[in-house]
Amino acid sequence: MSNPHSIPTAEERVLATLNKDGSRRWLRPRLSPGRFLIGRKAVGYALIVLFAALPYIRINGKPAMLLDLPNRQFTFFGRTFLPTDTLLLAFLLLTIFVTIFLLTALFGRVWCGWGCPQTVYMELVYRPVERFFDGKHYKSGGRVPLSAPRAIGKYLTFLLISMFLAHVFLAYFVGVETLAQWVRQSPLSHPAAFLVMAGTTLLMMIDFCFFREQMCTLACPYGRFQSVLLDRQSLIIGYDVKRGEPRGKLKKDAPASTGDCIDCKACVVTCPTGIDIRDGLQLECIGCAQCIDACDTIMDKVGKPRGLIRYSSQQAMEEGRSRLLRARVVVYPLALIVLVSLFSLTLAKKGSADVSFLRHRGQPYQVLPSGDITSTLLIKIVNRDESARSYRVTVDGVREQRSGDLPLLLEPGASGQITLHLTVAPDRFAEGRADIGVRVEDGAEFDRNFPHHLMGPLYSGGNRGNMPQGGTR
């Protein structure tokens, strides 16, 4: 009879981050030098430098990237976008999604292993610090006790790195000039920003110190999208079963039928998510290629060719051939071309100001005793420029134009409204409308003509009939 107080164990395969009794399995992957690690370091450290430097770079006098939420202004590479740019935002988001679909269809999870901030900072910043402070504790898999000074030094370094990254993150929303002032002041002078920084630091500490690879295997939805984003021709990291099986230890009397895999488990101990790549394509695989570097090193030592574990596709692994041209790698680029073209065309039409016409809530028009028609025109202008602008409006095709709002002075990013009272000759109307031209200019770089039409009586010229002297008809 079994002990009722014993801890049950799982007979089937469990997550790599869990032991069979359900407790947390702490992963301490062994670093495997190689050509892919060198490439990942070059890409990863370049991305880290770019992330830290981007708020300081200025393009056309503007920050390269600034997400000014209070003022609802978003600057990307020298161009400022406003909340009214919803169409541009929609095109941009669709472009990003389609690009992700295309890259995944071609190169699998290359983003996860080479460019994702979770992987880049975990494997290239936090883990090297941990290896330095843990020493024998890390190499022994945690069986050697970690001394208090080393533990304090490790977590203090983690805290300083997290605080630095949190300040850089905050600079994307407030700008480096404002951030430089705040760091020299008391947190009480800017409590909201301080709480954002402290909260971001706390989340990074929880993530990179404790949650770690579980962010990729449990929380991130991208791995679960593989079933629909990948196909049998997509590039993945795979184990060549035909060449490697059956596995066998390296012995002089090993049978000739033994495969190239010597079951050294170098690919397992180096995996940052703790999986065995020889079990096939798995959700937990982030495509970091550490198993390739580890296996290639072993193959060099035993005198066998590299590539037992390599970048390939499922079809190439199983059938020895692969097909690059297929439906999704044709449809996705075509969709990208359309989206980028629409985005560029919409962006090119954007000037230093947005002009829109609003509907007047009162009578659309009135007929004067002289027979002339009066109409009210409302114009909204948004200043998209980085400096204040003074806007003037002139209307072609009217007898008289009156407004107390001109010129309209607007600060950068501000909006204002102009109310024009127009007098139009009756012969300008045809079938109840009169076409006019509205010119808006700021005396600097913005000068555009906008076609518009005014509502009026159905008659034209001298054919007035018995129309009422008002706006209803």
Protein backbone atom coordinates (compact mmCIF):
# COMPACT_ATOMS: atom_id res chain seq x y z
CA MET A 1 0.00 0.00 0.00
CA SER A 2 1.40 3.38 -0.97
CA ASN A 3 2.14 6.08 1.56
CA PRO A 4 -0.75 8.63 1.49
CA HIS A 5 1.66 11.40 2.54
CA SER A 6 4.16 10.82 -0.28
CA ILE A 7 4.46 13.39 -3.05
CA PRO A 8 2.97 12.07 -6.32
CA THR A 9 5.25 12.06 -9.35
CA ALA A 10 4.35 12.40 -13.01
CA GLU A 11 4.87 9.34 -15.17
CA GLU A 12 4.57 11.25 -18.41
CA ARG A 13 6.78 14.05 -19.71
CA VAL A 14 6.44 17.34 -17.83
CA LEU A 15 7.53 20.90 -18.59
CA ALA A 16 11.26 21.46 -18.70
CA THR A 17 10.97 24.01 -15.90
CA LEU A 18 9.22 21.54 -13.58
CA ASN A 19 10.39 18.47 -11.74
CA LYS A 20 8.21 15.36 -11.78
CA ASP A 21 6.84 16.22 -8.35
CA GLY A 22 5.67 19.62 -9.65
CA SER A 23 8.38 21.70 -7.93
CA ARG A 24 10.30 24.39 -9.82
CA ARG A 25 13.33 23.19 -11.71
CA TRP A 26 15.92 25.97 -11.82
CA LEU A 27 17.80 25.97 -15.10
CA ARG A 28 21.48 26.86 -15.24
CA PRO A 29 22.33 26.35 -18.91
CA ARG A 30 25.97 25.79 -19.79
CA LEU A 31 27.41 28.32 -22.23
CA SER A 32 28.46 26.73 -25.53
CA PRO A 33 30.84 28.91 -27.57
CA GLY A 34 30.48 28.78 -31.31
CA ARG A 35 29.74 30.71 -34.48
CA PHE A 36 26.06 31.18 -33.69
CA LEU A 37 26.80 32.47 -30.19
CA ILE A 38 29.19 35.02 -31.69
CA GLY A 39 26.49 36.12 -34.13
CA ARG A 40 23.84 36.35 -31.41
CA LYS A 41 26.15 38.42 -29.23
CA ALA A 42 26.85 40.83 -32.09
CA VAL A 43 23.14 41.24 -32.80
CA GLY A 44 22.07 41.31 -29.14
CA TYR A 45 24.60 43.85 -27.90
CA ALA A 46 23.88 46.05 -30.93
CA LEU A 47 20.18 46.00 -30.01
CA ILE A 48 21.00 46.87 -26.39
CA VAL A 49 23.13 49.84 -27.48
CA LEU A 50 20.37 50.95 -29.87
CA PHE A 51 17.74 50.74 -27.12
CA ALA A 52 19.85 52.84 -24.75
CA ALA A 53 20.92 55.38 -27.38
CA LEU A 54 17.66 55.87 -29.30
CA PRO A 55 16.16 58.47 -26.91
CA TYR A 56 19.32 60.60 -27.31
CA ILE A 57 19.37 60.51 -31.11
CA ARG A 58 17.70 63.47 -32.81
CA ILE A 59 16.36 63.51 -36.36
CA ASN A 60 15.17 66.80 -37.89
CA GLY A 61 15.48 68.38 -34.46
CA LYS A 62 13.18 65.78 -32.88
CA PRO A 63 13.91 62.70 -30.77
CA ALA A 64 14.26 59.54 -32.79
CA MET A 65 11.48 58.07 -30.63
CA LEU A 66 9.26 59.81 -28.08
CA LEU A 67 5.85 58.58 -26.88
CA ASP A 68 4.42 61.72 -25.27
CA LEU A 69 1.20 60.30 -23.80
CA PRO A 70 0.04 63.41 -21.83
CA ASN A 71 0.21 65.56 -24.99
CA ARG A 72 -0.87 62.67 -27.24
CA GLN A 73 2.10 63.11 -29.57
CA PHE A 74 4.13 60.17 -30.85
CA THR A 75 7.43 60.80 -32.61
CA PHE A 76 9.09 58.10 -34.69
CA PHE A 77 12.37 58.83 -36.47
CA GLY A 78 11.80 62.56 -36.78
CA ARG A 79 8.10 62.43 -37.64
CA THR A 80 5.39 63.34 -35.12
CA PHE A 81 2.05 61.54 -35.23
CA LEU A 82 -1.14 62.70 -33.54
CA PRO A 83 -4.25 60.81 -32.36
CA THR A 84 -5.95 61.85 -35.60
CA ASP A 85 -3.53 59.65 -37.55
CA THR A 86 -5.57 56.52 -36.92
CA LEU A 87 -5.31 55.39 -40.54
CA LEU A 88 -1.52 55.59 -40.42
CA LEU A 89 -1.50 53.68 -37.14
CA ALA A 90 -3.71 50.97 -38.62
CA PHE A 91 -1.41 50.58 -41.65
CA LEU A 92 1.64 50.49 -39.38
CA LEU A 93 0.22 47.79 -37.10
CA LEU A 94 -0.91 45.67 -40.02
CA THR A 95 2.54 46.03 -41.59
CA ILE A 96 4.20 44.83 -38.36
CA PHE A 97 1.88 41.83 -38.07
CA VAL A 98 2.33 40.76 -41.70
CA THR A 99 6.12 41.17 -41.35
CA ILE A 100 6.06 38.87 -38.31
CA PHE A 101 4.00 36.32 -40.27
CA LEU A 102 6.46 36.43 -43.18
CA LEU A 103 9.60 36.17 -41.03
CA THR A 104 8.10 33.28 -39.08
CA ALA A 105 7.06 31.45 -42.26
CA LEU A 106 10.61 31.81 -43.63
CA PHE A 107 12.88 31.70 -40.58
CA GLY A 108 10.78 30.22 -37.76
CA ARG A 109 11.35 31.69 -34.31
CA VAL A 110 14.44 33.68 -35.28
CA TRP A 111 12.98 36.69 -33.43
CA CYS A 112 12.76 34.76 -30.16
CA GLY A 113 16.35 33.57 -30.22
CA TRP A 114 18.06 36.58 -31.75
CA GLY A 115 16.05 39.75 -31.16
CA CYS A 116 13.47 39.36 -28.38
CA PRO A 117 14.33 41.59 -25.36
CA GLN A 118 13.52 38.71 -23.01
CA THR A 119 16.17 36.49 -24.61
CA VAL A 120 18.70 39.26 -25.29
CA TYR A 121 18.77 40.62 -21.74
CA MET A 122 18.42 37.24 -20.04
CA GLU A 123 21.19 35.48 -21.95
CA LEU A 124 23.55 38.38 -22.66
CA VAL A 125 23.21 40.51 -19.51
CA TYR A 126 21.65 38.80 -16.49
CA ARG A 127 23.01 35.26 -16.96
CA PRO A 128 26.64 36.40 -17.49
CA VAL A 129 26.35 38.39 -14.25
CA GLU A 130 24.94 35.32 -12.52
CA ARG A 131 27.73 33.08 -13.83
CA PHE A 132 30.30 35.58 -12.54
CA PHE A 133 28.91 35.78 -9.00
CA ASP A 134 27.74 32.17 -8.64
CA GLY A 135 30.99 30.54 -9.76
CA LYS A 136 31.04 26.93 -8.55
CA HIS A 137 27.44 27.25 -7.39
CA TYR A 138 26.35 27.78 -11.01
CA LYS A 139 28.57 25.06 -12.49
CA SER A 140 27.38 22.50 -9.94
CA GLY A 141 23.73 23.16 -10.76
CA GLY A 142 23.12 24.86 -7.42
CA ARG A 143 24.37 22.02 -5.24
CA VAL A 144 27.28 24.10 -3.87
CA PRO A 145 26.01 26.73 -1.37
CA LEU A 146 26.22 30.35 -2.51
CA SER A 147 27.89 32.64 0.01
CA ALA A 148 26.05 35.70 1.34
CA PRO A 149 28.49 38.28 -0.13
CA ARG A 150 28.15 36.71 -3.58
CA ALA A 151 24.35 36.59 -3.32
CA ILE A 152 24.18 40.23 -2.19
CA GLY A 153 26.55 41.30 -4.97
CA LYS A 154 24.57 39.42 -7.59
CA TYR A 155 21.16 40.80 -6.70
CA LEU A 156 22.54 44.31 -6.13
CA THR A 157 23.99 44.20 -9.65
CA PHE A 158 20.67 42.91 -10.97
CA LEU A 159 18.95 45.83 -9.25
CA LEU A 160 21.30 48.44 -10.70
CA ILE A 161 20.91 47.00 -14.22
CA SER A 162 17.11 46.90 -13.85
CA MET A 163 17.02 50.50 -12.59
CA PHE A 164 19.14 51.66 -15.52
CA LEU A 165 16.90 49.90 -18.02
CA ALA A 166 13.81 51.31 -16.28
CA HIS A 167 15.19 54.85 -16.61
CA VAL A 168 15.91 54.27 -20.29
CA PHE A 169 12.36 52.95 -20.70
CA LEU A 170 11.01 56.08 -19.01
CA ALA A 171 13.05 58.29 -21.36
CA TYR A 172 10.98 57.00 -24.27
CA PHE A 173 7.91 58.64 -22.70
CA VAL A 174 9.23 61.88 -21.15
CA GLY A 175 12.39 62.65 -23.13
CA VAL A 176 16.01 62.65 -21.99
CA GLU A 177 15.98 66.33 -21.02
CA THR A 178 13.08 65.90 -18.59
CA LEU A 179 14.56 62.66 -17.27
CA ALA A 180 17.91 64.37 -16.62
CA GLN A 181 16.13 66.98 -14.49
CA TRP A 182 14.12 64.40 -12.56
CA VAL A 183 17.09 62.24 -11.57
CA ARG A 184 18.59 65.29 -9.85
CA GLN A 185 15.39 66.06 -7.95
CA SER A 186 13.50 64.43 -5.12
CA PRO A 187 11.04 61.71 -6.17
CA LEU A 188 8.33 63.71 -4.39
CA SER A 189 8.55 66.36 -7.13
CA HIS A 190 7.48 63.78 -9.77
CA PRO A 191 5.81 60.90 -7.88
CA ALA A 192 3.96 59.41 -10.88
CA ALA A 193 7.11 59.08 -12.97
CA PHE A 194 9.03 57.69 -9.99
CA LEU A 195 6.36 55.04 -9.45
CA VAL A 196 6.54 54.06 -13.13
CA MET A 197 10.31 53.67 -12.85
CA ALA A 198 10.05 51.74 -9.58
CA GLY A 199 7.29 49.49 -10.96
CA THR A 200 9.28 48.78 -14.12
CA THR A 201 12.35 47.95 -12.03
CA LEU A 202 10.31 45.60 -9.85
CA LEU A 203 8.83 43.81 -12.87
CA MET A 204 12.29 43.35 -14.39
CA MET A 205 13.64 41.95 -11.13
CA ILE A 206 10.75 39.48 -10.91
CA ASP A 207 11.13 38.52 -14.55
CA PHE A 208 14.91 38.15 -14.88
CA CYS A 209 15.62 36.92 -11.34
CA PHE A 210 12.74 34.50 -10.81
CA PHE A 211 10.31 34.01 -13.71
CA ARG A 212 13.04 33.80 -16.35
CA GLU A 213 12.55 31.20 -19.11
CA GLN A 214 8.94 30.68 -18.02
CA MET A 215 8.17 33.97 -19.75
CA CYS A 216 8.94 32.19 -23.04
CA THR A 217 7.45 28.78 -22.22
CA LEU A 218 4.34 29.78 -20.25
CA ALA A 219 3.44 33.46 -20.67
CA CYS A 220 4.42 34.49 -24.19
CA PRO A 221 1.73 33.57 -26.77
CA TYR A 222 4.13 33.67 -29.72
CA GLY A 223 5.28 30.08 -29.23
CA ARG A 224 1.69 28.89 -29.35
CA PHE A 225 1.17 30.68 -32.66
CA GLN A 226 3.78 28.43 -34.28
CA SER A 227 1.16 25.88 -35.27
CA VAL A 228 -0.47 28.39 -37.62
CA LEU A 229 2.56 30.53 -38.56
CA LEU A 230 4.97 27.70 -39.38
CA ASP A 231 4.77 25.12 -42.13
CA ARG A 232 6.95 22.15 -43.04
CA GLN A 233 9.24 24.38 -45.12
CA SER A 234 9.88 26.97 -42.39
CA LEU A 235 13.40 27.23 -41.01
CA ILE A 236 13.71 25.59 -37.60
CA ILE A 237 16.42 24.06 -35.44
CA GLY A 238 16.15 20.31 -35.87
CA TYR A 239 17.90 17.08 -35.00
CA ASP A 240 18.75 14.80 -37.93
CA VAL A 241 17.08 11.58 -36.78
CA LYS A 242 18.24 9.57 -39.80
CA ARG A 243 21.85 10.40 -39.11
CA GLY A 244 21.81 10.41 -35.33
CA GLU A 245 19.78 7.31 -34.48
CA PRO A 246 20.22 4.88 -32.92
CA ARG A 247 22.17 6.71 -30.27
CA GLY A 248 25.15 5.11 -28.65
CA LYS A 249 28.02 5.98 -26.35
CA LEU A 250 31.40 6.51 -27.97
CA LYS A 251 33.15 3.15 -27.53
CA LYS A 252 35.71 1.21 -29.52
CA ASP A 253 33.48 -1.84 -29.66
CA ALA A 254 30.32 0.11 -30.58
CA PRO A 255 28.26 -1.59 -33.33
CA ALA A 256 28.60 -0.25 -36.84
CA SER A 257 24.87 0.48 -36.97
CA THR A 258 25.12 3.13 -34.22
CA GLY A 259 24.22 6.66 -35.31
CA ASP A 260 26.37 9.79 -34.96
CA CYS A 261 24.64 10.92 -31.73
CA ILE A 262 26.77 9.75 -28.80
CA ASP A 263 24.08 10.73 -26.28
CA CYS A 264 26.37 13.19 -24.49
CA LYS A 265 23.40 15.48 -23.71
CA ALA A 266 25.49 18.57 -24.49
CA CYS A 267 22.50 19.93 -26.40
CA VAL A 268 20.30 19.50 -23.32
CA VAL A 269 22.53 21.10 -20.68
CA THR A 270 23.12 24.16 -22.86
CA CYS A 271 19.45 24.81 -23.72
CA PRO A 272 18.15 27.98 -21.98
CA THR A 273 14.65 26.50 -21.80
CA GLY A 274 15.81 23.02 -20.72
CA ILE A 275 14.41 20.94 -23.58
CA ASP A 276 15.92 18.07 -25.53
CA ILE A 277 15.95 19.14 -29.18
CA ARG A 278 16.20 15.45 -30.16
CA ASP A 279 12.53 15.07 -29.21
CA GLY A 280 11.56 17.14 -32.25
CA LEU A 281 10.02 20.57 -32.73
CA GLN A 282 8.70 21.85 -29.40
CA LEU A 283 6.84 24.92 -28.20
CA GLU A 284 9.64 25.73 -25.73
CA CYS A 285 12.35 25.98 -28.42
CA ILE A 286 13.26 29.65 -28.96
CA GLY A 287 15.68 29.05 -31.84
CA CYS A 288 18.77 30.37 -30.04
CA ALA A 289 21.09 27.80 -31.71
CA GLN A 290 23.03 27.02 -28.52
CA CYS A 291 22.37 23.33 -29.12
CA ILE A 292 23.91 23.65 -32.59
CA ASP A 293 27.11 25.17 -31.20
CA ALA A 294 27.27 22.50 -28.48
CA CYS A 295 26.72 19.61 -30.90
CA ASP A 296 29.15 20.97 -33.49
CA THR A 297 31.86 21.14 -30.81
CA ILE A 298 31.24 17.49 -29.87
CA MET A 299 31.23 16.41 -33.52
CA ASP A 300 34.59 18.12 -34.02
CA LYS A 301 36.01 16.27 -31.03
CA VAL A 302 34.83 12.83 -32.17
CA GLY A 303 35.85 13.41 -35.80
CA LYS A 304 32.38 13.46 -37.33
CA PRO A 305 30.87 16.09 -39.65
CA ARG A 306 28.95 19.00 -38.20
CA GLY A 307 25.23 19.45 -38.74
CA LEU A 308 23.72 16.67 -36.65
CA ILE A 309 21.69 19.50 -35.13
CA ARG A 310 21.27 22.37 -37.56
CA TYR A 311 19.03 25.03 -39.04
CA SER A 312 16.79 23.29 -41.54
CA SER A 313 13.12 22.57 -42.22
CA GLN A 314 10.98 19.60 -41.30
CA GLN A 315 10.63 18.62 -44.93
CA ALA A 316 14.37 18.87 -45.56
CA MET A 317 15.11 16.77 -42.46
CA GLU A 318 12.67 14.05 -43.45
CA GLU A 319 12.84 14.05 -47.24
CA GLY A 320 16.16 15.69 -48.02
CA ARG A 321 14.56 18.51 -50.00
CA SER A 322 12.83 21.80 -49.26
CA ARG A 323 10.61 24.17 -51.20
CA LEU A 324 11.11 27.91 -50.73
CA LEU A 325 8.36 29.13 -53.07
CA ARG A 326 4.93 28.47 -51.61
CA ALA A 327 1.64 30.32 -51.17
CA ARG A 328 2.34 32.14 -47.90
CA VAL A 329 5.75 33.46 -48.95
CA VAL A 330 4.06 34.98 -52.01
CA VAL A 331 0.92 36.34 -50.35
CA TYR A 332 2.72 37.93 -47.37
CA PRO A 333 5.19 40.00 -49.48
CA LEU A 334 2.38 41.15 -51.75
CA ALA A 335 0.37 42.23 -48.71
CA LEU A 336 3.44 44.03 -47.36
CA ILE A 337 3.92 45.91 -50.62
CA VAL A 338 0.28 47.06 -50.54
CA LEU A 339 0.43 48.11 -46.88
CA VAL A 340 3.74 49.94 -47.20
CA SER A 341 2.49 51.72 -50.33
CA LEU A 342 -0.71 52.82 -48.59
CA PHE A 343 1.24 53.93 -45.52
CA SER A 344 3.73 55.92 -47.62
CA LEU A 345 0.98 57.50 -49.73
CA THR A 346 -1.03 58.50 -46.66
CA LEU A 347 2.08 59.85 -44.95
CA ALA A 348 3.09 61.85 -48.03
CA LYS A 349 -0.29 63.59 -48.04
CA LYS A 350 0.19 64.73 -44.46
CA GLY A 351 1.43 68.32 -44.24
CA SER A 352 2.42 70.47 -41.28
CA ALA A 353 -1.27 70.97 -40.50
CA ASP A 354 -4.51 68.98 -40.52
CA VAL A 355 -7.57 70.76 -41.90
CA SER A 356 -11.09 69.41 -41.55
CA PHE A 357 -14.55 70.90 -42.14
CA LEU A 358 -17.21 70.64 -39.44
CA ARG A 359 -20.98 70.73 -39.82
CA HIS A 360 -22.78 73.81 -38.51
CA ARG A 361 -25.55 72.87 -36.06
CA GLY A 362 -27.91 75.69 -37.01
CA GLN A 363 -29.65 76.41 -40.31
CA PRO A 364 -27.41 75.41 -43.21
CA TYR A 365 -28.14 78.70 -44.98
CA GLN A 366 -30.34 81.79 -45.04
CA VAL A 367 -31.72 83.82 -47.94
CA LEU A 368 -31.25 87.57 -47.51
CA PRO A 369 -33.80 90.12 -48.78
CA SER A 370 -31.34 90.97 -51.54
CA GLY A 371 -31.47 87.37 -52.72
CA ASP A 372 -27.92 86.56 -51.62
CA ILE A 373 -27.31 83.41 -49.59
CA THR A 374 -25.46 83.39 -46.25
CA SER A 375 -23.84 80.26 -44.87
CA THR A 376 -21.65 79.42 -41.90
CA LEU A 377 -18.46 77.41 -42.43
CA LEU A 378 -16.58 75.78 -39.53
CA ILE A 379 -12.94 74.81 -40.07
CA LYS A 380 -10.78 72.88 -37.59
CA ILE A 381 -7.00 73.19 -37.88
CA VAL A 382 -4.38 71.10 -36.04
CA ASN A 383 -0.82 72.44 -35.97
CA ARG A 384 1.53 69.48 -36.60
CA ASP A 385 4.63 71.64 -36.79
CA GLU A 386 7.24 71.97 -34.03
CA SER A 387 6.77 75.75 -33.80
CA ALA A 388 3.79 78.07 -33.39
CA ARG A 389 1.94 78.96 -36.56
CA SER A 390 -0.52 81.70 -37.53
CA TYR A 391 -3.19 80.46 -39.95
CA ARG A 392 -5.22 82.50 -42.41
CA VAL A 393 -8.16 81.33 -44.50
CA THR A 394 -9.50 82.80 -47.75
CA VAL A 395 -12.49 81.49 -49.68
CA ASP A 396 -12.86 81.77 -53.45
CA GLY A 397 -16.25 82.15 -55.12
CA VAL A 398 -18.02 84.21 -52.42
CA ARG A 399 -19.05 87.86 -52.29
CA GLU A 400 -18.16 88.42 -48.65
CA GLN A 401 -16.20 86.63 -45.95
CA ARG A 402 -16.40 87.58 -42.27
CA SER A 403 -14.65 86.04 -39.25
CA GLY A 404 -13.40 87.25 -35.91
CA ASP A 405 -11.09 84.24 -35.51
CA LEU A 406 -8.42 85.22 -38.06
CA PRO A 407 -5.54 84.89 -37.92
CA LEU A 408 -5.63 81.74 -35.79
CA LEU A 409 -2.47 81.34 -33.69
CA LEU A 410 -1.73 77.74 -32.65
CA GLU A 411 1.07 76.32 -30.54
CA PRO A 412 2.80 73.08 -31.63
CA GLY A 413 0.36 70.18 -31.48
CA ALA A 414 -2.58 72.46 -30.62
CA SER A 415 -5.86 72.64 -32.48
CA GLY A 416 -8.30 75.46 -33.05
CA GLN A 417 -11.51 76.31 -34.86
CA ILE A 418 -12.36 79.09 -37.30
CA THR A 419 -15.94 80.21 -37.95
CA LEU A 420 -16.53 81.87 -41.32
CA HIS A 421 -19.71 83.70 -42.28
CA LEU A 422 -19.97 83.66 -46.08
CA THR A 423 -22.24 85.57 -48.44
CA VAL A 424 -22.75 83.89 -51.81
CA ALA A 425 -24.54 85.07 -54.93
CA PRO A 426 -27.65 83.00 -55.74
CA ASP A 427 -26.41 82.16 -59.25
CA ARG A 428 -23.54 80.17 -57.66
CA PHE A 429 -25.95 77.43 -56.57
CA ALA A 430 -26.90 74.51 -58.74
CA GLU A 431 -29.10 71.69 -57.45
CA GLY A 432 -28.81 72.96 -53.91
CA ARG A 433 -25.03 73.35 -53.65
CA ALA A 434 -22.33 75.85 -54.44
CA ASP A 435 -18.77 74.71 -55.01
CA ILE A 436 -16.11 76.88 -53.38
CA GLY A 437 -12.34 76.74 -52.81
CA VAL A 438 -10.90 77.20 -49.31
CA ARG A 439 -7.27 78.24 -49.05
CA VAL A 440 -5.45 77.70 -45.73
CA GLU A 441 -1.90 79.03 -45.29
CA ASP A 442 0.42 79.79 -42.39
CA GLY A 443 2.83 82.16 -44.12
CA ALA A 444 5.62 79.56 -43.86
CA GLU A 445 5.43 76.12 -45.46
CA PHE A 446 1.75 75.19 -45.35
CA ASP A 447 -0.37 76.52 -48.24
CA ARG A 448 -3.16 74.33 -49.56
CA ASN A 449 -6.49 74.65 -51.37
CA PHE A 450 -9.41 72.47 -50.30
CA PRO A 451 -12.54 72.01 -52.43
CA HIS A 452 -15.79 72.30 -50.49
CA HIS A 453 -19.46 72.93 -51.15
CA LEU A 454 -22.13 74.96 -49.39
CA MET A 455 -25.77 74.00 -49.06
CA GLY A 456 -28.31 76.39 -50.51
CA PRO A 457 -31.64 76.71 -52.36
CA LEU A 458 -32.47 74.40 -55.25
CA TYR A 459 -32.99 77.27 -57.71
CA SER A 460 -30.14 78.91 -59.63
CA GLY A 461 -29.79 82.33 -61.23
CA GLY A 462 -33.05 84.27 -61.49
CA ASN A 463 -35.32 81.20 -61.32
CA ARG A 464 -36.28 81.64 -57.68
CA GLY A 465 -39.89 80.64 -57.71
CA ASN A 466 -41.52 80.96 -54.32
CA MET A 467 -38.63 79.61 -52.14
CA PRO A 468 -38.87 80.59 -48.47
CA GLN A 469 -36.43 83.06 -46.91
CA GLY A 470 -34.77 80.45 -44.67
CA GLY A 471 -32.81 77.29 -44.54
CA THR A 472 -35.57 74.67 -44.65
CA ARG A 473 -36.73 73.08 -47.83
